[in-house]
Amino acid sequence: MKIRKERKTTSKFNHLQSISEEAREAFHKWLSLQQGFKVDIDYLHADKEWFESLVQHGSWLKDTHIDVAFYFFRKQIIEKPHAFSQNFTTTNTMFWKNVKARSEKHAKKWNQTDDILVDCVNGLHLIPSMKWSEVGIIYVPINVRSINSDNQPNGVIIPLAKVLPRVLHATSYYGKSSDPKSEKQWDIERLHDVPQQEYDGNCEMFLIKYAEYLMHDHPFSSLIDARIDWFREKMTIELFYFKILPM
């Protein structure tokens, strides 16, 4: 979601850096243990099942896999802003669920100032986070397992288009930016000719990498379905061994 013009910086995106053999060996040794210890990766303590579902070909990722990646995106943009081409922050997967719930409960109107959505916009939640008024782009990850006639892509976005203008109004965001003062539902613009995964089980990892490529303003030529398993392995091993996601 772009709410203001982004601030361009200098990005050095080494997205195809090789995986450390030492780290790979350590991970597979741990994976072979009958009862592997949990690994503290800053955002959560991950067990073997969590890592296995992340690295396994075609396995659906959990919301926590997405949230971990977006946590490190937020952390890195705060610590190393010039490593990215965009000035951004992110939400987590629960944000969309909260927006959807409020849209269903308050279909006609939502104007609460004491709400976790307001805290998100004000940079008070999540941790770490930034005020939306201080960035140009907000990434809102949405993890939907199936699309049907009642759940088309545009329909998935409608709750955001309805509720976010009201949330921004409740936070006085429009008083801190040049955007027009309005609580009117936003128009939805669906982009075409963007990269798409070919295998359904790859969609969450594709979401993570697609967002990362955008953050670095990097060409999508290397974001192909055939490379997803390697991206899975790289993310898994780096989280396990280094406890971070190098950007």
C-alpha atoms as a PDB file:
ATOM      1  CA  MET A   1       0.000   0.000   0.000  1.00  0.00           C
ATOM      2  CA  LYS A   2       1.583   3.276  -1.115  1.00  0.00           C
ATOM      3  CA  ILE A   3       0.375   6.249   0.874  1.00  0.00           C
ATOM      4  CA  ARG A   4       3.050   8.761  -0.046  1.00  0.00           C
ATOM      5  CA  LYS A   5       5.920   9.091  -2.463  1.00  0.00           C
ATOM      6  CA  GLU A   6       8.771   6.881  -1.313  1.00  0.00           C
ATOM      7  CA  ARG A   7      12.226   8.174  -0.433  1.00  0.00           C
ATOM      8  CA  LYS A   8      14.812   6.671  -2.730  1.00  0.00           C
ATOM      9  CA  THR A   9      18.004   5.348  -1.178  1.00  0.00           C
ATOM     10  CA  THR A  10      20.906   3.240  -2.337  1.00  0.00           C
ATOM     11  CA  SER A  11      20.268  -0.512  -2.300  1.00  0.00           C
ATOM     12  CA  LYS A  12      22.846  -3.278  -2.614  1.00  0.00           C
ATOM     13  CA  PHE A  13      20.644  -6.339  -2.815  1.00  0.00           C
ATOM     14  CA  ASN A  14      22.740  -9.503  -2.850  1.00  0.00           C
ATOM     15  CA  HIS A  15      19.722 -11.787  -3.307  1.00  0.00           C
ATOM     16  CA  LEU A  16      21.607 -14.749  -4.784  1.00  0.00           C
ATOM     17  CA  GLN A  17      24.478 -14.883  -2.308  1.00  0.00           C
ATOM     18  CA  SER A  18      25.483 -18.512  -1.797  1.00  0.00           C
ATOM     19  CA  ILE A  19      24.408 -20.456   1.265  1.00  0.00           C
ATOM     20  CA  SER A  20      27.146 -21.093   3.818  1.00  0.00           C
ATOM     21  CA  GLU A  21      28.174 -24.754   3.722  1.00  0.00           C
ATOM     22  CA  GLU A  22      29.079 -24.607   7.395  1.00  0.00           C
ATOM     23  CA  ALA A  23      25.601 -23.313   8.203  1.00  0.00           C
ATOM     24  CA  ARG A  24      23.958 -25.931   5.964  1.00  0.00           C
ATOM     25  CA  GLU A  25      25.883 -28.736   7.640  1.00  0.00           C
ATOM     26  CA  ALA A  26      24.967 -27.474  11.120  1.00  0.00           C
ATOM     27  CA  PHE A  27      21.284 -27.251  10.196  1.00  0.00           C
ATOM     28  CA  HIS A  28      21.056 -30.767   8.788  1.00  0.00           C
ATOM     29  CA  LYS A  29      22.958 -32.159  11.773  1.00  0.00           C
ATOM     30  CA  TRP A  30      20.428 -30.527  14.102  1.00  0.00           C
ATOM     31  CA  LEU A  31      17.552 -31.702  11.934  1.00  0.00           C
ATOM     32  CA  SER A  32      18.747 -35.306  12.247  1.00  0.00           C
ATOM     33  CA  LEU A  33      18.571 -35.224  16.030  1.00  0.00           C
ATOM     34  CA  GLN A  34      15.698 -37.169  17.517  1.00  0.00           C
ATOM     35  CA  GLN A  35      14.738 -34.265  19.730  1.00  0.00           C
ATOM     36  CA  GLY A  36      16.178 -31.024  18.434  1.00  0.00           C
ATOM     37  CA  PHE A  37      16.191 -28.020  20.748  1.00  0.00           C
ATOM     38  CA  LYS A  38      14.146 -24.955  19.908  1.00  0.00           C
ATOM     39  CA  VAL A  39      15.993 -22.137  18.211  1.00  0.00           C
ATOM     40  CA  ASP A  40      15.591 -18.521  19.299  1.00  0.00           C
ATOM     41  CA  ILE A  41      15.335 -16.469  16.110  1.00  0.00           C
ATOM     42  CA  ASP A  42      14.514 -13.227  17.908  1.00  0.00           C
ATOM     43  CA  TYR A  43      10.845 -13.105  16.822  1.00  0.00           C
ATOM     44  CA  LEU A  44       9.997 -16.549  18.211  1.00  0.00           C
ATOM     45  CA  HIS A  45      11.427 -19.871  19.379  1.00  0.00           C
ATOM     46  CA  ALA A  46      11.198 -22.235  16.412  1.00  0.00           C
ATOM     47  CA  ASP A  47      11.071 -26.026  16.649  1.00  0.00           C
ATOM     48  CA  LYS A  48      11.967 -28.676  14.086  1.00  0.00           C
ATOM     49  CA  GLU A  49       8.461 -28.820  12.634  1.00  0.00           C
ATOM     50  CA  TRP A  50       8.554 -25.064  11.984  1.00  0.00           C
ATOM     51  CA  PHE A  51      11.863 -25.299  10.132  1.00  0.00           C
ATOM     52  CA  GLU A  52      10.819 -28.447   8.264  1.00  0.00           C
ATOM     53  CA  SER A  53       7.658 -26.843   6.913  1.00  0.00           C
ATOM     54  CA  LEU A  54       9.708 -23.828   5.832  1.00  0.00           C
ATOM     55  CA  VAL A  55      12.318 -25.808   3.915  1.00  0.00           C
ATOM     56  CA  GLN A  56      10.131 -28.600   2.519  1.00  0.00           C
ATOM     57  CA  HIS A  57       9.260 -28.392  -1.169  1.00  0.00           C
ATOM     58  CA  GLY A  58       5.641 -27.437  -1.768  1.00  0.00           C
ATOM     59  CA  SER A  59       4.792 -27.102   1.918  1.00  0.00           C
ATOM     60  CA  TRP A  60       2.328 -24.357   2.827  1.00  0.00           C
ATOM     61  CA  LEU A  61       3.989 -21.812   5.076  1.00  0.00           C
ATOM     62  CA  LYS A  62       2.467 -20.716   8.359  1.00  0.00           C
ATOM     63  CA  ASP A  63       1.547 -17.140   9.115  1.00  0.00           C
ATOM     64  CA  THR A  64       4.502 -17.119  11.514  1.00  0.00           C
ATOM     65  CA  HIS A  65       6.922 -17.799   8.638  1.00  0.00           C
ATOM     66  CA  ILE A  66       5.632 -14.707   6.865  1.00  0.00           C
ATOM     67  CA  ASP A  67       5.616 -12.694  10.088  1.00  0.00           C
ATOM     68  CA  VAL A  68       9.243 -13.595  10.817  1.00  0.00           C
ATOM     69  CA  ALA A  69      10.342 -12.384   7.377  1.00  0.00           C
ATOM     70  CA  PHE A  70       8.395  -9.132   7.684  1.00  0.00           C
ATOM     71  CA  TYR A  71       9.723  -8.633  11.208  1.00  0.00           C
ATOM     72  CA  PHE A  72      13.263  -8.660   9.844  1.00  0.00           C
ATOM     73  CA  PHE A  73      12.240  -6.320   7.013  1.00  0.00           C
ATOM     74  CA  ARG A  74      11.030  -3.813   9.621  1.00  0.00           C
ATOM     75  CA  LYS A  75      14.089  -4.287  11.792  1.00  0.00           C
ATOM     76  CA  GLN A  76      16.535  -3.860   8.918  1.00  0.00           C
ATOM     77  CA  ILE A  77      14.881  -0.731   7.491  1.00  0.00           C
ATOM     78  CA  ILE A  78      15.227   0.897  10.932  1.00  0.00           C
ATOM     79  CA  GLU A  79      18.805  -0.236  11.508  1.00  0.00           C
ATOM     80  CA  LYS A  80      20.080   0.109   7.923  1.00  0.00           C
ATOM     81  CA  PRO A  81      17.712   2.379   5.983  1.00  0.00           C
ATOM     82  CA  HIS A  82      20.177   2.934   3.152  1.00  0.00           C
ATOM     83  CA  ALA A  83      20.280  -0.799   2.427  1.00  0.00           C
ATOM     84  CA  PHE A  84      16.866  -0.459   0.769  1.00  0.00           C
ATOM     85  CA  SER A  85      15.553   1.507  -2.198  1.00  0.00           C
ATOM     86  CA  GLN A  86      12.256   2.306  -0.494  1.00  0.00           C
ATOM     87  CA  ASN A  87      11.278   4.019   2.723  1.00  0.00           C
ATOM     88  CA  PHE A  88       8.732   1.571   4.116  1.00  0.00           C
ATOM     89  CA  THR A  89       7.364  -0.320   7.052  1.00  0.00           C
ATOM     90  CA  THR A  90       5.257  -3.461   7.251  1.00  0.00           C
ATOM     91  CA  THR A  91       2.422  -4.992   9.189  1.00  0.00           C
ATOM     92  CA  ASN A  92       2.039  -8.675  10.000  1.00  0.00           C
ATOM     93  CA  THR A  93      -0.555 -11.219   8.884  1.00  0.00           C
ATOM     94  CA  MET A  94      -2.735 -10.484  11.921  1.00  0.00           C
ATOM     95  CA  PHE A  95      -3.210  -6.903  10.765  1.00  0.00           C
ATOM     96  CA  TRP A  96      -5.319  -7.945   7.777  1.00  0.00           C
ATOM     97  CA  LYS A  97      -7.314 -10.321   9.974  1.00  0.00           C
ATOM     98  CA  ASN A  98      -8.031  -7.463  12.377  1.00  0.00           C
ATOM     99  CA  VAL A  99      -9.049  -5.204   9.496  1.00  0.00           C
ATOM    100  CA  LYS A 100     -11.304  -7.914   8.070  1.00  0.00           C
ATOM    101  CA  ALA A 101     -12.976  -8.488  11.449  1.00  0.00           C
ATOM    102  CA  ARG A 102     -13.671  -4.786  11.902  1.00  0.00           C
ATOM    103  CA  SER A 103     -14.981  -4.485   8.366  1.00  0.00           C
ATOM    104  CA  GLU A 104     -17.455  -7.295   8.992  1.00  0.00           C
ATOM    105  CA  LYS A 105     -18.530  -5.964  12.395  1.00  0.00           C
ATOM    106  CA  HIS A 106     -18.682  -2.307  11.412  1.00  0.00           C
ATOM    107  CA  ALA A 107     -19.641  -2.609   7.749  1.00  0.00           C
ATOM    108  CA  LYS A 108     -20.963   0.945   7.550  1.00  0.00           C
ATOM    109  CA  LYS A 109     -18.721   2.818   9.948  1.00  0.00           C
ATOM    110  CA  TRP A 110     -15.574   2.433  12.017  1.00  0.00           C
ATOM    111  CA  ASN A 111     -14.198   5.426  13.904  1.00  0.00           C
ATOM    112  CA  GLN A 112     -12.508   4.164  17.053  1.00  0.00           C
ATOM    113  CA  THR A 113      -9.409   5.943  18.297  1.00  0.00           C
ATOM    114  CA  ASP A 114      -8.575   3.268  20.887  1.00  0.00           C
ATOM    115  CA  ASP A 115      -7.753   0.289  18.708  1.00  0.00           C
ATOM    116  CA  ILE A 116      -4.737  -1.861  17.833  1.00  0.00           C
ATOM    117  CA  LEU A 117      -5.014  -0.699  14.209  1.00  0.00           C
ATOM    118  CA  VAL A 118      -4.496   2.868  15.374  1.00  0.00           C
ATOM    119  CA  ASP A 119      -1.482   1.732  17.393  1.00  0.00           C
ATOM    120  CA  CYS A 120      -0.029   0.173  14.227  1.00  0.00           C
ATOM    121  CA  VAL A 121      -0.383   3.427  12.281  1.00  0.00           C
ATOM    122  CA  ASN A 122       1.178   5.389  15.148  1.00  0.00           C
ATOM    123  CA  GLY A 123       4.190   3.039  15.291  1.00  0.00           C
ATOM    124  CA  LEU A 124       3.288   1.688  18.745  1.00  0.00           C
ATOM    125  CA  HIS A 125       2.603  -1.820  17.450  1.00  0.00           C
ATOM    126  CA  LEU A 126       4.326  -3.933  16.122  1.00  0.00           C
ATOM    127  CA  ILE A 127       7.842  -4.070  17.555  1.00  0.00           C
ATOM    128  CA  PRO A 128       9.942  -2.775  15.944  1.00  0.00           C
ATOM    129  CA  SER A 129       7.870  -0.371  13.925  1.00  0.00           C
ATOM    130  CA  MET A 130       7.723   3.116  12.444  1.00  0.00           C
ATOM    131  CA  LYS A 131       4.966   5.691  12.225  1.00  0.00           C
ATOM    132  CA  TRP A 132       3.146   5.455   8.936  1.00  0.00           C
ATOM    133  CA  SER A 133       3.424   9.228   8.549  1.00  0.00           C
ATOM    134  CA  GLU A 134       7.234   8.804   8.408  1.00  0.00           C
ATOM    135  CA  VAL A 135       7.352   6.304   5.543  1.00  0.00           C
ATOM    136  CA  GLY A 136       6.155   6.133   1.960  1.00  0.00           C
ATOM    137  CA  ILE A 137       5.008   2.528   1.599  1.00  0.00           C
ATOM    138  CA  ILE A 138       3.232   0.049   3.875  1.00  0.00           C
ATOM    139  CA  TYR A 139       3.461  -3.669   3.117  1.00  0.00           C
ATOM    140  CA  VAL A 140       0.443  -5.619   4.358  1.00  0.00           C
ATOM    141  CA  PRO A 141       0.948  -9.394   3.946  1.00  0.00           C
ATOM    142  CA  ILE A 142      -2.242 -11.384   3.348  1.00  0.00           C
ATOM    143  CA  ASN A 143      -2.112 -15.171   3.580  1.00  0.00           C
ATOM    144  CA  VAL A 144      -5.182 -16.635   1.852  1.00  0.00           C
ATOM    145  CA  ARG A 145      -5.057 -20.348   1.119  1.00  0.00           C
ATOM    146  CA  SER A 146      -7.819 -20.507  -1.520  1.00  0.00           C
ATOM    147  CA  ILE A 147      -9.538 -18.154  -3.947  1.00  0.00           C
ATOM    148  CA  ASN A 148     -13.128 -18.925  -4.939  1.00  0.00           C
ATOM    149  CA  SER A 149     -16.163 -17.074  -6.255  1.00  0.00           C
ATOM    150  CA  ASP A 150     -16.778 -15.575  -2.825  1.00  0.00           C
ATOM    151  CA  ASN A 151     -13.126 -14.764  -2.201  1.00  0.00           C
ATOM    152  CA  GLN A 152     -11.721 -13.118  -5.330  1.00  0.00           C
ATOM    153  CA  PRO A 153      -8.469 -11.128  -5.048  1.00  0.00           C
ATOM    154  CA  ASN A 154     -10.239  -7.773  -5.201  1.00  0.00           C
ATOM    155  CA  GLY A 155     -12.716  -8.985  -2.573  1.00  0.00           C
ATOM    156  CA  VAL A 156      -9.863  -9.871  -0.240  1.00  0.00           C
ATOM    157  CA  ILE A 157      -8.626  -6.271  -0.448  1.00  0.00           C
ATOM    158  CA  ILE A 158     -12.033  -4.601   0.080  1.00  0.00           C
ATOM    159  CA  PRO A 159     -11.816  -4.650   3.916  1.00  0.00           C
ATOM    160  CA  LEU A 160      -8.522  -2.747   3.686  1.00  0.00           C
ATOM    161  CA  ALA A 161      -9.998  -0.276   1.204  1.00  0.00           C
ATOM    162  CA  LYS A 162     -12.929   0.336   3.560  1.00  0.00           C
ATOM    163  CA  VAL A 163     -11.269   0.440   6.955  1.00  0.00           C
ATOM    164  CA  LEU A 164      -7.832   1.986   6.360  1.00  0.00           C
ATOM    165  CA  PRO A 165      -9.101   5.441   5.326  1.00  0.00           C
ATOM    166  CA  ARG A 166     -11.033   5.564   8.593  1.00  0.00           C
ATOM    167  CA  VAL A 167      -8.044   4.360  10.612  1.00  0.00           C
ATOM    168  CA  LEU A 168      -5.837   7.034   9.067  1.00  0.00           C
ATOM    169  CA  HIS A 169      -8.485   9.650   9.811  1.00  0.00           C
ATOM    170  CA  ALA A 170      -8.686   8.471  13.442  1.00  0.00           C
ATOM    171  CA  THR A 171      -4.919   8.899  13.827  1.00  0.00           C
ATOM    172  CA  SER A 172      -4.932  12.402  12.315  1.00  0.00           C
ATOM    173  CA  TYR A 173      -2.616  11.060   9.640  1.00  0.00           C
ATOM    174  CA  TYR A 174      -4.078  13.432   7.082  1.00  0.00           C
ATOM    175  CA  GLY A 175      -2.933  16.335   9.193  1.00  0.00           C
ATOM    176  CA  LYS A 176       0.663  15.151   8.844  1.00  0.00           C
ATOM    177  CA  SER A 177       0.724  14.551   5.091  1.00  0.00           C
ATOM    178  CA  SER A 178      -0.484  15.990   1.817  1.00  0.00           C
ATOM    179  CA  ASP A 179      -3.103  13.291   1.240  1.00  0.00           C
ATOM    180  CA  PRO A 180      -6.733  14.475   0.908  1.00  0.00           C
ATOM    181  CA  LYS A 181      -8.908  14.350   4.008  1.00  0.00           C
ATOM    182  CA  SER A 182     -11.459  11.649   3.307  1.00  0.00           C
ATOM    183  CA  GLU A 183     -12.914   8.523   4.843  1.00  0.00           C
ATOM    184  CA  LYS A 184     -14.239   7.384   1.489  1.00  0.00           C
ATOM    185  CA  GLN A 185     -13.423   3.804   0.463  1.00  0.00           C
ATOM    186  CA  TRP A 186     -10.276   3.651  -1.624  1.00  0.00           C
ATOM    187  CA  ASP A 187     -10.254   2.457  -5.197  1.00  0.00           C
ATOM    188  CA  ILE A 188      -8.518  -0.881  -5.751  1.00  0.00           C
ATOM    189  CA  GLU A 189      -5.922  -1.086  -8.491  1.00  0.00           C
ATOM    190  CA  ARG A 190      -4.832  -4.568  -9.457  1.00  0.00           C
ATOM    191  CA  LEU A 191      -1.489  -4.732 -11.220  1.00  0.00           C
ATOM    192  CA  HIS A 192      -1.006  -6.893 -14.275  1.00  0.00           C
ATOM    193  CA  ASP A 193       2.071  -8.519 -15.797  1.00  0.00           C
ATOM    194  CA  VAL A 194       3.619  -9.164 -12.394  1.00  0.00           C
ATOM    195  CA  PRO A 195       5.504 -12.368 -11.485  1.00  0.00           C
ATOM    196  CA  GLN A 196       3.323 -15.285 -10.440  1.00  0.00           C
ATOM    197  CA  GLN A 197       4.226 -18.583  -8.838  1.00  0.00           C
ATOM    198  CA  GLU A 198       3.332 -21.704 -10.821  1.00  0.00           C
ATOM    199  CA  TYR A 199       2.863 -24.078  -7.881  1.00  0.00           C
ATOM    200  CA  ASP A 200       0.252 -23.296  -5.211  1.00  0.00           C
ATOM    201  CA  GLY A 201       2.486 -24.441  -2.346  1.00  0.00           C
ATOM    202  CA  ASN A 202       5.030 -21.761  -3.234  1.00  0.00           C
ATOM    203  CA  CYS A 203       2.729 -18.767  -2.827  1.00  0.00           C
ATOM    204  CA  GLU A 204       3.802 -17.682   0.673  1.00  0.00           C
ATOM    205  CA  MET A 205       7.521 -17.827  -0.114  1.00  0.00           C
ATOM    206  CA  PHE A 206       6.770 -16.039  -3.364  1.00  0.00           C
ATOM    207  CA  LEU A 207       4.978 -13.318  -1.372  1.00  0.00           C
ATOM    208  CA  ILE A 208       8.018 -12.863   0.877  1.00  0.00           C
ATOM    209  CA  LYS A 209      10.471 -12.638  -1.995  1.00  0.00           C
ATOM    210  CA  TYR A 210       8.193 -10.446  -4.115  1.00  0.00           C
ATOM    211  CA  ALA A 211       7.972  -7.909  -1.284  1.00  0.00           C
ATOM    212  CA  GLU A 212      11.735  -8.055  -0.751  1.00  0.00           C
ATOM    213  CA  TYR A 213      12.424  -7.448  -4.458  1.00  0.00           C
ATOM    214  CA  LEU A 214      10.078  -4.438  -4.377  1.00  0.00           C
ATOM    215  CA  MET A 215      11.778  -3.032  -1.278  1.00  0.00           C
ATOM    216  CA  HIS A 216      15.071  -3.076  -3.175  1.00  0.00           C
ATOM    217  CA  ASP A 217      13.546  -1.946  -6.478  1.00  0.00           C
ATOM    218  CA  HIS A 218      15.173  -5.029  -7.998  1.00  0.00           C
ATOM    219  CA  PRO A 219      14.272  -6.523 -11.415  1.00  0.00           C
ATOM    220  CA  PHE A 220      12.085  -9.618 -11.162  1.00  0.00           C
ATOM    221  CA  SER A 221      14.017 -11.661 -13.716  1.00  0.00           C
ATOM    222  CA  SER A 222      15.520 -13.927 -11.040  1.00  0.00           C
ATOM    223  CA  LEU A 223      12.247 -14.358  -9.123  1.00  0.00           C
ATOM    224  CA  ILE A 224      11.147 -17.558 -10.805  1.00  0.00           C
ATOM    225  CA  ASP A 225       9.323 -20.636  -9.574  1.00  0.00           C
ATOM    226  CA  ALA A 226      12.339 -22.862 -10.218  1.00  0.00           C
ATOM    227  CA  ARG A 227      14.322 -20.912  -7.615  1.00  0.00           C
ATOM    228  CA  ILE A 228      11.724 -21.037  -4.804  1.00  0.00           C
ATOM    229  CA  ASP A 229      13.116 -24.214  -3.210  1.00  0.00           C
ATOM    230  CA  TRP A 230      16.536 -22.560  -3.036  1.00  0.00           C
ATOM    231  CA  PHE A 231      14.984 -19.446  -1.480  1.00  0.00           C
ATOM    232  CA  ARG A 232      13.279 -21.722   1.063  1.00  0.00           C
ATOM    233  CA  GLU A 233      16.550 -23.406   1.967  1.00  0.00           C
ATOM    234  CA  LYS A 234      18.421 -20.101   2.182  1.00  0.00           C
ATOM    235  CA  MET A 235      15.845 -18.522   4.487  1.00  0.00           C
ATOM    236  CA  THR A 236      15.695 -21.645   6.658  1.00  0.00           C
ATOM    237  CA  ILE A 237      19.438 -22.026   7.115  1.00  0.00           C
ATOM    238  CA  GLU A 238      20.111 -18.332   7.677  1.00  0.00           C
ATOM    239  CA  LEU A 239      17.413 -18.146  10.343  1.00  0.00           C
ATOM    240  CA  PHE A 240      18.691 -21.293  12.028  1.00  0.00           C
ATOM    241  CA  TYR A 241      22.400 -20.510  11.939  1.00  0.00           C
ATOM    242  CA  PHE A 242      22.684 -16.717  11.913  1.00  0.00           C
ATOM    243  CA  LYS A 243      19.364 -15.956  13.678  1.00  0.00           C
ATOM    244  CA  ILE A 244      18.761 -13.182  11.145  1.00  0.00           C
ATOM    245  CA  LEU A 245      17.721 -12.720   7.527  1.00  0.00           C
ATOM    246  CA  PRO A 246      20.502 -10.869   5.680  1.00  0.00           C
ATOM    247  CA  MET A 247      19.018  -8.354   3.267  1.00  0.00           C
END
